[in-house]
Amino acid sequence: MPTPTAAIPHLIAAGFHALSDPLRISVLELLRQQELCVCDLCEALGVSQSKLSFHLKTLKEAGLVHSRQEGRWIYYSLNTPQFRVLEEYLAEFSHNSVISSARSCCD
């Protein structure tokens, strides 16, 4: 698993972007409990498959979910290592509690 400092910035940005939508948060909450197929997610969330597909694509591109196909159904599950990357990235800010003052740029 890559360390946050070695992680590609656009993947970190994509992860936080994916977490910025309430419907995608709801999807992640459902997947926290178990792997689910698209039809189960649509039913639980009360959304159309086309709307959900857009949000699942965003979550997949951010690396937050995995998908696997079984027959004609696609099942989704959490990709927990990517959540750890985002968590460790944020944790680095709390470890840098002493921030140096800016030096004067006009001297």
PDB file of N, CA and C in Angstrom:
ATOM      1  N   MET A   1       0.857  -1.189   0.000  1.00  0.00           N
ATOM      2  CA  MET A   1       0.000   0.000   0.000  1.00  0.00           C
ATOM      3  C   MET A   1       0.894   1.240   0.000  1.00  0.00           C
ATOM      4  N   PRO A   2       0.631   2.189  -0.889  1.00  0.00           N
ATOM      5  CA  PRO A   2       1.479   3.380  -0.929  1.00  0.00           C
ATOM      6  C   PRO A   2       1.251   4.264   0.280  1.00  0.00           C
ATOM      7  N   THR A   3       2.309   4.957   0.666  1.00  0.00           N
ATOM      8  CA  THR A   3       2.161   5.914   1.762  1.00  0.00           C
ATOM      9  C   THR A   3       1.538   7.181   1.220  1.00  0.00           C
ATOM     10  N   PRO A   4       0.869   7.964   2.069  1.00  0.00           N
ATOM     11  CA  PRO A   4       0.228   9.186   1.588  1.00  0.00           C
ATOM     12  C   PRO A   4       1.176  10.134   0.883  1.00  0.00           C
ATOM     13  N   THR A   5       2.422  10.250   1.394  1.00  0.00           N
ATOM     14  CA  THR A   5       3.354  11.171   0.753  1.00  0.00           C
ATOM     15  C   THR A   5       3.753  10.663  -0.622  1.00  0.00           C
ATOM     16  N   ALA A   6       3.684   9.350  -0.848  1.00  0.00           N
ATOM     17  CA  ALA A   6       4.017   8.793  -2.153  1.00  0.00           C
ATOM     18  C   ALA A   6       2.778   8.681  -3.040  1.00  0.00           C
ATOM     19  N   ALA A   7       1.597   8.863  -2.471  1.00  0.00           N
ATOM     20  CA  ALA A   7       0.365   8.741  -3.243  1.00  0.00           C
ATOM     21  C   ALA A   7       0.282   9.854  -4.274  1.00  0.00           C
ATOM     22  N   ILE A   8      -0.307   9.537  -5.378  1.00  0.00           N
ATOM     23  CA  ILE A   8      -0.455  10.507  -6.458  1.00  0.00           C
ATOM     24  C   ILE A   8      -1.508  11.534  -6.049  1.00  0.00           C
ATOM     25  N   PRO A   9      -1.169  12.829  -6.124  1.00  0.00           N
ATOM     26  CA  PRO A   9      -2.110  13.869  -5.678  1.00  0.00           C
ATOM     27  C   PRO A   9      -3.488  13.795  -6.320  1.00  0.00           C
ATOM     28  N   HIS A  10      -3.565  13.447  -7.604  1.00  0.00           N
ATOM     29  CA  HIS A  10      -4.888  13.418  -8.231  1.00  0.00           C
ATOM     30  C   HIS A  10      -5.755  12.298  -7.675  1.00  0.00           C
ATOM     31  N   LEU A  11      -5.146  11.214  -7.180  1.00  0.00           N
ATOM     32  CA  LEU A  11      -5.938  10.149  -6.560  1.00  0.00           C
ATOM     33  C   LEU A  11      -6.481  10.577  -5.201  1.00  0.00           C
ATOM     34  N   ILE A  12      -5.690  11.333  -4.472  1.00  0.00           N
ATOM     35  CA  ILE A  12      -6.175  11.863  -3.194  1.00  0.00           C
ATOM     36  C   ILE A  12      -7.305  12.854  -3.450  1.00  0.00           C
ATOM     37  N   ALA A  13      -7.126  13.729  -4.425  1.00  0.00           N
ATOM     38  CA  ALA A  13      -8.184  14.689  -4.764  1.00  0.00           C
ATOM     39  C   ALA A  13      -9.443  13.968  -5.231  1.00  0.00           C
ATOM     40  N   ALA A  14      -9.285  12.921  -6.034  1.00  0.00           N
ATOM     41  CA  ALA A  14     -10.443  12.153  -6.506  1.00  0.00           C
ATOM     42  C   ALA A  14     -11.162  11.485  -5.346  1.00  0.00           C
ATOM     43  N   GLY A  15     -10.396  11.025  -4.367  1.00  0.00           N
ATOM     44  CA  GLY A  15     -11.004  10.402  -3.187  1.00  0.00           C
ATOM     45  C   GLY A  15     -11.857  11.383  -2.405  1.00  0.00           C
ATOM     46  N   PHE A  16     -11.333  12.571  -2.184  1.00  0.00           N
ATOM     47  CA  PHE A  16     -12.107  13.564  -1.431  1.00  0.00           C
ATOM     48  C   PHE A  16     -13.283  14.087  -2.251  1.00  0.00           C
ATOM     49  N   HIS A  17     -13.106  14.200  -3.553  1.00  0.00           N
ATOM     50  CA  HIS A  17     -14.232  14.586  -4.416  1.00  0.00           C
ATOM     51  C   HIS A  17     -15.347  13.537  -4.323  1.00  0.00           C
ATOM     52  N   ALA A  18     -14.969  12.281  -4.369  1.00  0.00           N
ATOM     53  CA  ALA A  18     -15.961  11.202  -4.289  1.00  0.00           C
ATOM     54  C   ALA A  18     -16.708  11.228  -2.952  1.00  0.00           C
ATOM     55  N   LEU A  19     -16.033  11.666  -1.909  1.00  0.00           N
ATOM     56  CA  LEU A  19     -16.653  11.735  -0.584  1.00  0.00           C
ATOM     57  C   LEU A  19     -17.496  12.991  -0.391  1.00  0.00           C
ATOM     58  N   SER A  20     -17.552  13.846  -1.400  1.00  0.00           N
ATOM     59  CA  SER A  20     -18.243  15.133  -1.240  1.00  0.00           C
ATOM     60  C   SER A  20     -19.719  15.099  -1.628  1.00  0.00           C
ATOM     61  N   ASP A  21     -20.240  13.947  -1.965  1.00  0.00           N
ATOM     62  CA  ASP A  21     -21.639  13.861  -2.394  1.00  0.00           C
ATOM     63  C   ASP A  21     -22.435  12.987  -1.420  1.00  0.00           C
ATOM     64  N   PRO A  22     -23.589  13.465  -0.955  1.00  0.00           N
ATOM     65  CA  PRO A  22     -24.389  12.692   0.008  1.00  0.00           C
ATOM     66  C   PRO A  22     -24.831  11.313  -0.504  1.00  0.00           C
ATOM     67  N   LEU A  23     -25.153  11.201  -1.791  1.00  0.00           N
ATOM     68  CA  LEU A  23     -25.570   9.898  -2.320  1.00  0.00           C
ATOM     69  C   LEU A  23     -24.410   8.920  -2.315  1.00  0.00           C
ATOM     70  N   ARG A  24     -23.221   9.398  -2.658  1.00  0.00           N
ATOM     71  CA  ARG A  24     -22.055   8.514  -2.635  1.00  0.00           C
ATOM     72  C   ARG A  24     -21.712   8.097  -1.206  1.00  0.00           C
ATOM     73  N   ILE A  25     -21.905   8.992  -0.254  1.00  0.00           N
ATOM     74  CA  ILE A  25     -21.706   8.625   1.157  1.00  0.00           C
ATOM     75  C   ILE A  25     -22.701   7.533   1.541  1.00  0.00           C
ATOM     76  N   SER A  26     -23.938   7.660   1.095  1.00  0.00           N
ATOM     77  CA  SER A  26     -24.953   6.636   1.384  1.00  0.00           C
ATOM     78  C   SER A  26     -24.577   5.288   0.776  1.00  0.00           C
ATOM     79  N   VAL A  27     -24.040   5.306  -0.431  1.00  0.00           N
ATOM     80  CA  VAL A  27     -23.574   4.067  -1.057  1.00  0.00           C
ATOM     81  C   VAL A  27     -22.487   3.435  -0.205  1.00  0.00           C
ATOM     82  N   LEU A  28     -21.520   4.240   0.227  1.00  0.00           N
ATOM     83  CA  LEU A  28     -20.417   3.714   1.037  1.00  0.00           C
ATOM     84  C   LEU A  28     -20.923   3.155   2.361  1.00  0.00           C
ATOM     85  N   GLU A  29     -21.900   3.812   2.956  1.00  0.00           N
ATOM     86  CA  GLU A  29     -22.462   3.308   4.214  1.00  0.00           C
ATOM     87  C   GLU A  29     -23.108   1.934   4.018  1.00  0.00           C
ATOM     88  N   LEU A  30     -23.807   1.746   2.911  1.00  0.00           N
ATOM     89  CA  LEU A  30     -24.402   0.439   2.631  1.00  0.00           C
ATOM     90  C   LEU A  30     -23.330  -0.613   2.373  1.00  0.00           C
ATOM     91  N   LEU A  31     -22.285  -0.226   1.648  1.00  0.00           N
ATOM     92  CA  LEU A  31     -21.215  -1.177   1.341  1.00  0.00           C
ATOM     93  C   LEU A  31     -20.346  -1.478   2.554  1.00  0.00           C
ATOM     94  N   ARG A  32     -20.429  -0.633   3.545  1.00  0.00           N
ATOM     95  CA  ARG A  32     -19.682  -0.886   4.782  1.00  0.00           C
ATOM     96  C   ARG A  32     -20.177  -2.172   5.443  1.00  0.00           C
ATOM     97  N   GLN A  33     -21.449  -2.485   5.235  1.00  0.00           N
ATOM     98  CA  GLN A  33     -22.059  -3.661   5.857  1.00  0.00           C
ATOM     99  C   GLN A  33     -21.816  -4.932   5.058  1.00  0.00           C
ATOM    100  N   GLN A  34     -21.865  -4.824   3.707  1.00  0.00           N
ATOM    101  CA  GLN A  34     -21.680  -6.013   2.875  1.00  0.00           C
ATOM    102  C   GLN A  34     -21.554  -5.632   1.410  1.00  0.00           C
ATOM    103  N   GLU A  35     -21.043  -6.554   0.634  1.00  0.00           N
ATOM    104  CA  GLU A  35     -20.992  -6.398  -0.819  1.00  0.00           C
ATOM    105  C   GLU A  35     -22.434  -6.409  -1.344  1.00  0.00           C
ATOM    106  N   LEU A  36     -22.722  -5.528  -2.302  1.00  0.00           N
ATOM    107  CA  LEU A  36     -24.080  -5.438  -2.844  1.00  0.00           C
ATOM    108  C   LEU A  36     -24.047  -5.309  -4.356  1.00  0.00           C
ATOM    109  N   CYS A  37     -25.111  -5.814  -4.993  1.00  0.00           N
ATOM    110  CA  CYS A  37     -25.241  -5.632  -6.438  1.00  0.00           C
ATOM    111  C   CYS A  37     -25.948  -4.306  -6.708  1.00  0.00           C
ATOM    112  N   VAL A  38     -25.851  -3.852  -7.938  1.00  0.00           N
ATOM    113  CA  VAL A  38     -26.429  -2.572  -8.326  1.00  0.00           C
ATOM    114  C   VAL A  38     -27.923  -2.531  -8.023  1.00  0.00           C
ATOM    115  N   CYS A  39     -28.620  -3.625  -8.317  1.00  0.00           N
ATOM    116  CA  CYS A  39     -30.075  -3.613  -8.099  1.00  0.00           C
ATOM    117  C   CYS A  39     -30.412  -3.419  -6.618  1.00  0.00           C
ATOM    118  N   ASP A  40     -29.633  -4.032  -5.724  1.00  0.00           N
ATOM    119  CA  ASP A  40     -29.869  -3.847  -4.284  1.00  0.00           C
ATOM    120  C   ASP A  40     -29.572  -2.415  -3.853  1.00  0.00           C
ATOM    121  N   LEU A  41     -28.522  -1.837  -4.397  1.00  0.00           N
ATOM    122  CA  LEU A  41     -28.185  -0.449  -4.073  1.00  0.00           C
ATOM    123  C   LEU A  41     -29.277   0.503  -4.558  1.00  0.00           C
ATOM    124  N   CYS A  42     -29.760   0.278  -5.782  1.00  0.00           N
ATOM    125  CA  CYS A  42     -30.837   1.128  -6.328  1.00  0.00           C
ATOM    126  C   CYS A  42     -32.077   1.065  -5.446  1.00  0.00           C
ATOM    127  N   GLU A  43     -32.434  -0.130  -5.050  1.00  0.00           N
ATOM    128  CA  GLU A  43     -33.627  -0.305  -4.216  1.00  0.00           C
ATOM    129  C   GLU A  43     -33.453   0.358  -2.854  1.00  0.00           C
ATOM    130  N   ALA A  44     -32.314   0.134  -2.228  1.00  0.00           N
ATOM    131  CA  ALA A  44     -32.075   0.689  -0.893  1.00  0.00           C
ATOM    132  C   ALA A  44     -32.032   2.217  -0.910  1.00  0.00           C
ATOM    133  N   LEU A  45     -31.532   2.794  -2.002  1.00  0.00           N
ATOM    134  CA  LEU A  45     -31.364   4.245  -2.078  1.00  0.00           C
ATOM    135  C   LEU A  45     -32.518   4.948  -2.787  1.00  0.00           C
ATOM    136  N   GLY A  46     -33.361   4.174  -3.447  1.00  0.00           N
ATOM    137  CA  GLY A  46     -34.491   4.767  -4.156  1.00  0.00           C
ATOM    138  C   GLY A  46     -34.087   5.630  -5.331  1.00  0.00           C
ATOM    139  N   VAL A  47     -33.049   5.195  -6.067  1.00  0.00           N
ATOM    140  CA  VAL A  47     -32.575   5.939  -7.232  1.00  0.00           C
ATOM    141  C   VAL A  47     -32.557   5.030  -8.457  1.00  0.00           C
ATOM    142  N   SER A  48     -32.549   5.650  -9.624  1.00  0.00           N
ATOM    143  CA  SER A  48     -32.494   4.885 -10.870  1.00  0.00           C
ATOM    144  C   SER A  48     -31.094   4.308 -11.066  1.00  0.00           C
ATOM    145  N   GLN A  49     -31.028   3.270 -11.877  1.00  0.00           N
ATOM    146  CA  GLN A  49     -29.739   2.646 -12.138  1.00  0.00           C
ATOM    147  C   GLN A  49     -28.806   3.590 -12.895  1.00  0.00           C
ATOM    148  N   SER A  50     -29.351   4.413 -13.779  1.00  0.00           N
ATOM    149  CA  SER A  50     -28.484   5.338 -14.525  1.00  0.00           C
ATOM    150  C   SER A  50     -27.870   6.390 -13.597  1.00  0.00           C
ATOM    151  N   LYS A  51     -28.658   6.903 -12.654  1.00  0.00           N
ATOM    152  CA  LYS A  51     -28.130   7.881 -11.699  1.00  0.00           C
ATOM    153  C   LYS A  51     -27.069   7.230 -10.810  1.00  0.00           C
ATOM    154  N   LEU A  52     -27.362   6.023 -10.335  1.00  0.00           N
ATOM    155  CA  LEU A  52     -26.425   5.329  -9.460  1.00  0.00           C
ATOM    156  C   LEU A  52     -25.141   4.975 -10.202  1.00  0.00           C
ATOM    157  N   SER A  53     -25.255   4.594 -11.468  1.00  0.00           N
ATOM    158  CA  SER A  53     -24.068   4.227 -12.248  1.00  0.00           C
ATOM    159  C   SER A  53     -23.072   5.368 -12.323  1.00  0.00           C
ATOM    160  N   PHE A  54     -23.568   6.594 -12.479  1.00  0.00           N
ATOM    161  CA  PHE A  54     -22.695   7.767 -12.505  1.00  0.00           C
ATOM    162  C   PHE A  54     -21.907   7.873 -11.200  1.00  0.00           C
ATOM    163  N   HIS A  55     -22.581   7.705 -10.079  1.00  0.00           N
ATOM    164  CA  HIS A  55     -21.941   7.837  -8.776  1.00  0.00           C
ATOM    165  C   HIS A  55     -20.992   6.667  -8.496  1.00  0.00           C
ATOM    166  N   LEU A  56     -21.362   5.471  -8.919  1.00  0.00           N
ATOM    167  CA  LEU A  56     -20.476   4.320  -8.737  1.00  0.00           C
ATOM    168  C   LEU A  56     -19.206   4.480  -9.568  1.00  0.00           C
ATOM    169  N   LYS A  57     -19.339   5.060 -10.752  1.00  0.00           N
ATOM    170  CA  LYS A  57     -18.166   5.313 -11.589  1.00  0.00           C
ATOM    171  C   LYS A  57     -17.210   6.269 -10.879  1.00  0.00           C
ATOM    172  N   THR A  58     -17.742   7.296 -10.258  1.00  0.00           N
ATOM    173  CA  THR A  58     -16.915   8.250  -9.514  1.00  0.00           C
ATOM    174  C   THR A  58     -16.198   7.556  -8.357  1.00  0.00           C
ATOM    175  N   LEU A  59     -16.914   6.712  -7.631  1.00  0.00           N
ATOM    176  CA  LEU A  59     -16.321   5.979  -6.507  1.00  0.00           C
ATOM    177  C   LEU A  59     -15.242   5.012  -6.994  1.00  0.00           C
ATOM    178  N   LYS A  60     -15.480   4.356  -8.128  1.00  0.00           N
ATOM    179  CA  LYS A  60     -14.479   3.434  -8.686  1.00  0.00           C
ATOM    180  C   LYS A  60     -13.239   4.185  -9.147  1.00  0.00           C
ATOM    181  N   GLU A  61     -13.428   5.309  -9.839  1.00  0.00           N
ATOM    182  CA  GLU A  61     -12.283   6.087 -10.326  1.00  0.00           C
ATOM    183  C   GLU A  61     -11.438   6.614  -9.179  1.00  0.00           C
ATOM    184  N   ALA A  62     -12.064   6.861  -8.044  1.00  0.00           N
ATOM    185  CA  ALA A  62     -11.338   7.314  -6.852  1.00  0.00           C
ATOM    186  C   ALA A  62     -10.695   6.148  -6.113  1.00  0.00           C
ATOM    187  N   GLY A  63     -10.981   4.944  -6.545  1.00  0.00           N
ATOM    188  CA  GLY A  63     -10.402   3.764  -5.901  1.00  0.00           C
ATOM    189  C   GLY A  63     -11.079   3.380  -4.600  1.00  0.00           C
ATOM    190  N   LEU A  64     -12.238   3.950  -4.311  1.00  0.00           N
ATOM    191  CA  LEU A  64     -12.913   3.671  -3.035  1.00  0.00           C
ATOM    192  C   LEU A  64     -13.749   2.409  -3.058  1.00  0.00           C
ATOM    193  N   VAL A  65     -14.121   1.932  -4.244  1.00  0.00           N
ATOM    194  CA  VAL A  65     -14.884   0.684  -4.346  1.00  0.00           C
ATOM    195  C   VAL A  65     -14.289  -0.209  -5.422  1.00  0.00           C
ATOM    196  N   HIS A  66     -14.515  -1.505  -5.233  1.00  0.00           N
ATOM    197  CA  HIS A  66     -14.184  -2.530  -6.221  1.00  0.00           C
ATOM    198  C   HIS A  66     -15.482  -3.006  -6.841  1.00  0.00           C
ATOM    199  N   SER A  67     -15.385  -3.525  -8.044  1.00  0.00           N
ATOM    200  CA  SER A  67     -16.551  -4.160  -8.642  1.00  0.00           C
ATOM    201  C   SER A  67     -16.127  -5.516  -9.197  1.00  0.00           C
ATOM    202  N   ARG A  68     -17.092  -6.419  -9.221  1.00  0.00           N
ATOM    203  CA  ARG A  68     -16.855  -7.721  -9.844  1.00  0.00           C
ATOM    204  C   ARG A  68     -18.151  -8.148 -10.510  1.00  0.00           C
ATOM    205  N   GLN A  69     -18.007  -8.816 -11.616  1.00  0.00           N
ATOM    206  CA  GLN A  69     -19.183  -9.255 -12.355  1.00  0.00           C
ATOM    207  C   GLN A  69     -19.415 -10.729 -12.099  1.00  0.00           C
ATOM    208  N   GLU A  70     -20.665 -11.056 -11.844  1.00  0.00           N
ATOM    209  CA  GLU A  70     -21.076 -12.447 -11.681  1.00  0.00           C
ATOM    210  C   GLU A  70     -22.333 -12.625 -12.523  1.00  0.00           C
ATOM    211  N   GLY A  71     -22.176 -13.306 -13.640  1.00  0.00           N
ATOM    212  CA  GLY A  71     -23.286 -13.408 -14.575  1.00  0.00           C
ATOM    213  C   GLY A  71     -23.585 -12.037 -15.149  1.00  0.00           C
ATOM    214  N   ARG A  72     -24.833 -11.629 -15.074  1.00  0.00           N
ATOM    215  CA  ARG A  72     -25.181 -10.298 -15.584  1.00  0.00           C
ATOM    216  C   ARG A  72     -25.199  -9.233 -14.512  1.00  0.00           C
ATOM    217  N   TRP A  73     -24.858  -9.592 -13.285  1.00  0.00           N
ATOM    218  CA  TRP A  73     -24.887  -8.641 -12.166  1.00  0.00           C
ATOM    219  C   TRP A  73     -23.491  -8.162 -11.820  1.00  0.00           C
ATOM    220  N   ILE A  74     -23.407  -6.898 -11.421  1.00  0.00           N
ATOM    221  CA  ILE A  74     -22.142  -6.334 -10.952  1.00  0.00           C
ATOM    222  C   ILE A  74     -22.281  -6.073  -9.462  1.00  0.00           C
ATOM    223  N   TYR A  75     -21.330  -6.588  -8.711  1.00  0.00           N
ATOM    224  CA  TYR A  75     -21.318  -6.439  -7.261  1.00  0.00           C
ATOM    225  C   TYR A  75     -20.233  -5.460  -6.857  1.00  0.00           C
ATOM    226  N   TYR A  76     -20.542  -4.637  -5.867  1.00  0.00           N
ATOM    227  CA  TYR A  76     -19.620  -3.610  -5.384  1.00  0.00           C
ATOM    228  C   TYR A  76     -19.251  -3.864  -3.931  1.00  0.00           C
ATOM    229  N   SER A  77     -18.002  -3.537  -3.600  1.00  0.00           N
ATOM    230  CA  SER A  77     -17.514  -3.643  -2.222  1.00  0.00           C
ATOM    231  C   SER A  77     -16.512  -2.525  -1.976  1.00  0.00           C
ATOM    232  N   LEU A  78     -16.237  -2.263  -0.704  1.00  0.00           N
ATOM    233  CA  LEU A  78     -15.285  -1.208  -0.342  1.00  0.00           C
ATOM    234  C   LEU A  78     -13.856  -1.641  -0.627  1.00  0.00           C
ATOM    235  N   ASN A  79     -13.043  -0.683  -1.017  1.00  0.00           N
ATOM    236  CA  ASN A  79     -11.608  -0.879  -1.162  1.00  0.00           C
ATOM    237  C   ASN A  79     -10.954  -0.190   0.035  1.00  0.00           C
ATOM    238  N   THR A  80     -10.895  -0.888   1.168  1.00  0.00           N
ATOM    239  CA  THR A  80     -10.459  -0.265   2.419  1.00  0.00           C
ATOM    240  C   THR A  80      -9.032   0.288   2.388  1.00  0.00           C
ATOM    241  N   PRO A  81      -8.099  -0.294   1.640  1.00  0.00           N
ATOM    242  CA  PRO A  81      -6.770   0.319   1.622  1.00  0.00           C
ATOM    243  C   PRO A  81      -6.783   1.768   1.121  1.00  0.00           C
ATOM    244  N   GLN A  82      -7.651   2.098   0.178  1.00  0.00           N
ATOM    245  CA  GLN A  82      -7.697   3.481  -0.314  1.00  0.00           C
ATOM    246  C   GLN A  82      -8.241   4.427   0.760  1.00  0.00           C
ATOM    247  N   PHE A  83      -9.157   3.947   1.585  1.00  0.00           N
ATOM    248  CA  PHE A  83      -9.639   4.769   2.701  1.00  0.00           C
ATOM    249  C   PHE A  83      -8.498   5.042   3.673  1.00  0.00           C
ATOM    250  N   ARG A  84      -7.639   4.041   3.889  1.00  0.00           N
ATOM    251  CA  ARG A  84      -6.491   4.234   4.783  1.00  0.00           C
ATOM    252  C   ARG A  84      -5.531   5.283   4.231  1.00  0.00           C
ATOM    253  N   VAL A  85      -5.354   5.297   2.912  1.00  0.00           N
ATOM    254  CA  VAL A  85      -4.476   6.303   2.290  1.00  0.00           C
ATOM    255  C   VAL A  85      -5.012   7.702   2.591  1.00  0.00           C
ATOM    256  N   LEU A  86      -6.323   7.895   2.417  1.00  0.00           N
ATOM    257  CA  LEU A  86      -6.920   9.208   2.690  1.00  0.00           C
ATOM    258  C   LEU A  86      -6.821   9.559   4.175  1.00  0.00           C
ATOM    259  N   GLU A  87      -7.057   8.574   5.020  1.00  0.00           N
ATOM    260  CA  GLU A  87      -6.974   8.793   6.470  1.00  0.00           C
ATOM    261  C   GLU A  87      -5.550   9.188   6.874  1.00  0.00           C
ATOM    262  N   GLU A  88      -4.565   8.497   6.333  1.00  0.00           N
ATOM    263  CA  GLU A  88      -3.176   8.806   6.670  1.00  0.00           C
ATOM    264  C   GLU A  88      -2.758  10.165   6.109  1.00  0.00           C
ATOM    265  N   TYR A  89      -3.284  10.516   4.960  1.00  0.00           N
ATOM    266  CA  TYR A  89      -2.996  11.835   4.394  1.00  0.00           C
ATOM    267  C   TYR A  89      -3.484  12.923   5.349  1.00  0.00           C
ATOM    268  N   LEU A  90      -4.709  12.797   5.850  1.00  0.00           N
ATOM    269  CA  LEU A  90      -5.237  13.780   6.802  1.00  0.00           C
ATOM    270  C   LEU A  90      -4.477  13.753   8.121  1.00  0.00           C
ATOM    271  N   ALA A  91      -4.071  12.570   8.554  1.00  0.00           N
ATOM    272  CA  ALA A  91      -3.348  12.454   9.822  1.00  0.00           C
ATOM    273  C   ALA A  91      -2.023  13.207   9.784  1.00  0.00           C
ATOM    274  N   GLU A  92      -1.426  13.308   8.611  1.00  0.00           N
ATOM    275  CA  GLU A  92      -0.165  14.044   8.501  1.00  0.00           C
ATOM    276  C   GLU A  92      -0.326  15.507   8.905  1.00  0.00           C
ATOM    277  N   PHE A  93      -1.508  16.067   8.694  1.00  0.00           N
ATOM    278  CA  PHE A  93      -1.742  17.465   9.078  1.00  0.00           C
ATOM    279  C   PHE A  93      -1.761  17.625  10.593  1.00  0.00           C
ATOM    280  N   SER A  94      -2.322  16.666  11.308  1.00  0.00           N
ATOM    281  CA  SER A  94      -2.355  16.783  12.766  1.00  0.00           C
ATOM    282  C   SER A  94      -0.975  16.548  13.374  1.00  0.00           C
ATOM    283  N   HIS A  95      -0.105  15.815  12.690  1.00  0.00           N
ATOM    284  CA  HIS A  95       1.252  15.597  13.180  1.00  0.00           C
ATOM    285  C   HIS A  95       2.121  16.832  12.995  1.00  0.00           C
ATOM    286  N   ASN A  96       1.750  17.686  12.086  1.00  0.00           N
ATOM    287  CA  ASN A  96       2.490  18.930  11.842  1.00  0.00           C
ATOM    288  C   ASN A  96       1.839  20.066  12.610  1.00  0.00           C
ATOM    289  N   SER A  97       1.736  19.905  13.923  1.00  0.00           N
ATOM    290  CA  SER A  97       1.019  20.889  14.724  1.00  0.00           C
ATOM    291  C   SER A  97       1.776  22.202  14.880  1.00  0.00           C
ATOM    292  N   VAL A  98       3.093  22.178  14.716  1.00  0.00           N
ATOM    293  CA  VAL A  98       3.870  23.403  14.805  1.00  0.00           C
ATOM    294  C   VAL A  98       4.208  23.838  13.396  1.00  0.00           C
ATOM    295  N   ILE A  99       3.614  24.944  12.994  1.00  0.00           N
ATOM    296  CA  ILE A  99       3.834  25.456  11.646  1.00  0.00           C
ATOM    297  C   ILE A  99       4.616  26.765  11.778  1.00  0.00           C
ATOM    298  N   SER A 100       5.685  26.859  11.050  1.00  0.00           N
ATOM    299  CA  SER A 100       6.541  28.048  11.103  1.00  0.00           C
ATOM    300  C   SER A 100       5.799  29.236  10.512  1.00  0.00           C
ATOM    301  N   SER A 101       6.062  30.396  11.074  1.00  0.00           N
ATOM    302  CA  SER A 101       5.501  31.633  10.544  1.00  0.00           C
ATOM    303  C   SER A 101       6.152  31.956   9.204  1.00  0.00           C
ATOM    304  N   ALA A 102       5.436  32.640   8.377  1.00  0.00           N
ATOM    305  CA  ALA A 102       5.981  33.036   7.088  1.00  0.00           C
ATOM    306  C   ALA A 102       7.080  34.058   7.299  1.00  0.00           C
ATOM    307  N   ARG A 103       8.109  33.988   6.495  1.00  0.00           N
ATOM    308  CA  ARG A 103       9.134  35.022   6.570  1.00  0.00           C
ATOM    309  C   ARG A 103       8.666  36.183   5.720  1.00  0.00           C
ATOM    310  N   SER A 104       9.086  37.315   6.073  1.00  0.00           N
ATOM    311  CA  SER A 104       8.651  38.519   5.360  1.00  0.00           C
ATOM    312  C   SER A 104       9.143  38.476   3.929  1.00  0.00           C
ATOM    313  N   CYS A 105       8.277  38.722   3.001  1.00  0.00           N
ATOM    314  CA  CYS A 105       8.658  38.696   1.594  1.00  0.00           C
ATOM    315  C   CYS A 105       9.029  40.082   1.074  1.00  0.00           C
ATOM    316  N   CYS A 106       8.866  41.069   1.904  1.00  0.00           N
ATOM    317  CA  CYS A 106       9.134  42.440   1.457  1.00  0.00           C
ATOM    318  C   CYS A 106      10.469  42.988   1.961  1.00  0.00           C
ATOM    319  N   ASP A 107      11.258  42.196   2.659  1.00  0.00           N
ATOM    320  CA  ASP A 107      12.532  42.684   3.183  1.00  0.00           C
ATOM    321  C   ASP A 107      13.630  42.631   2.178  1.00  0.00           C
TER     322      ASP A 107
END
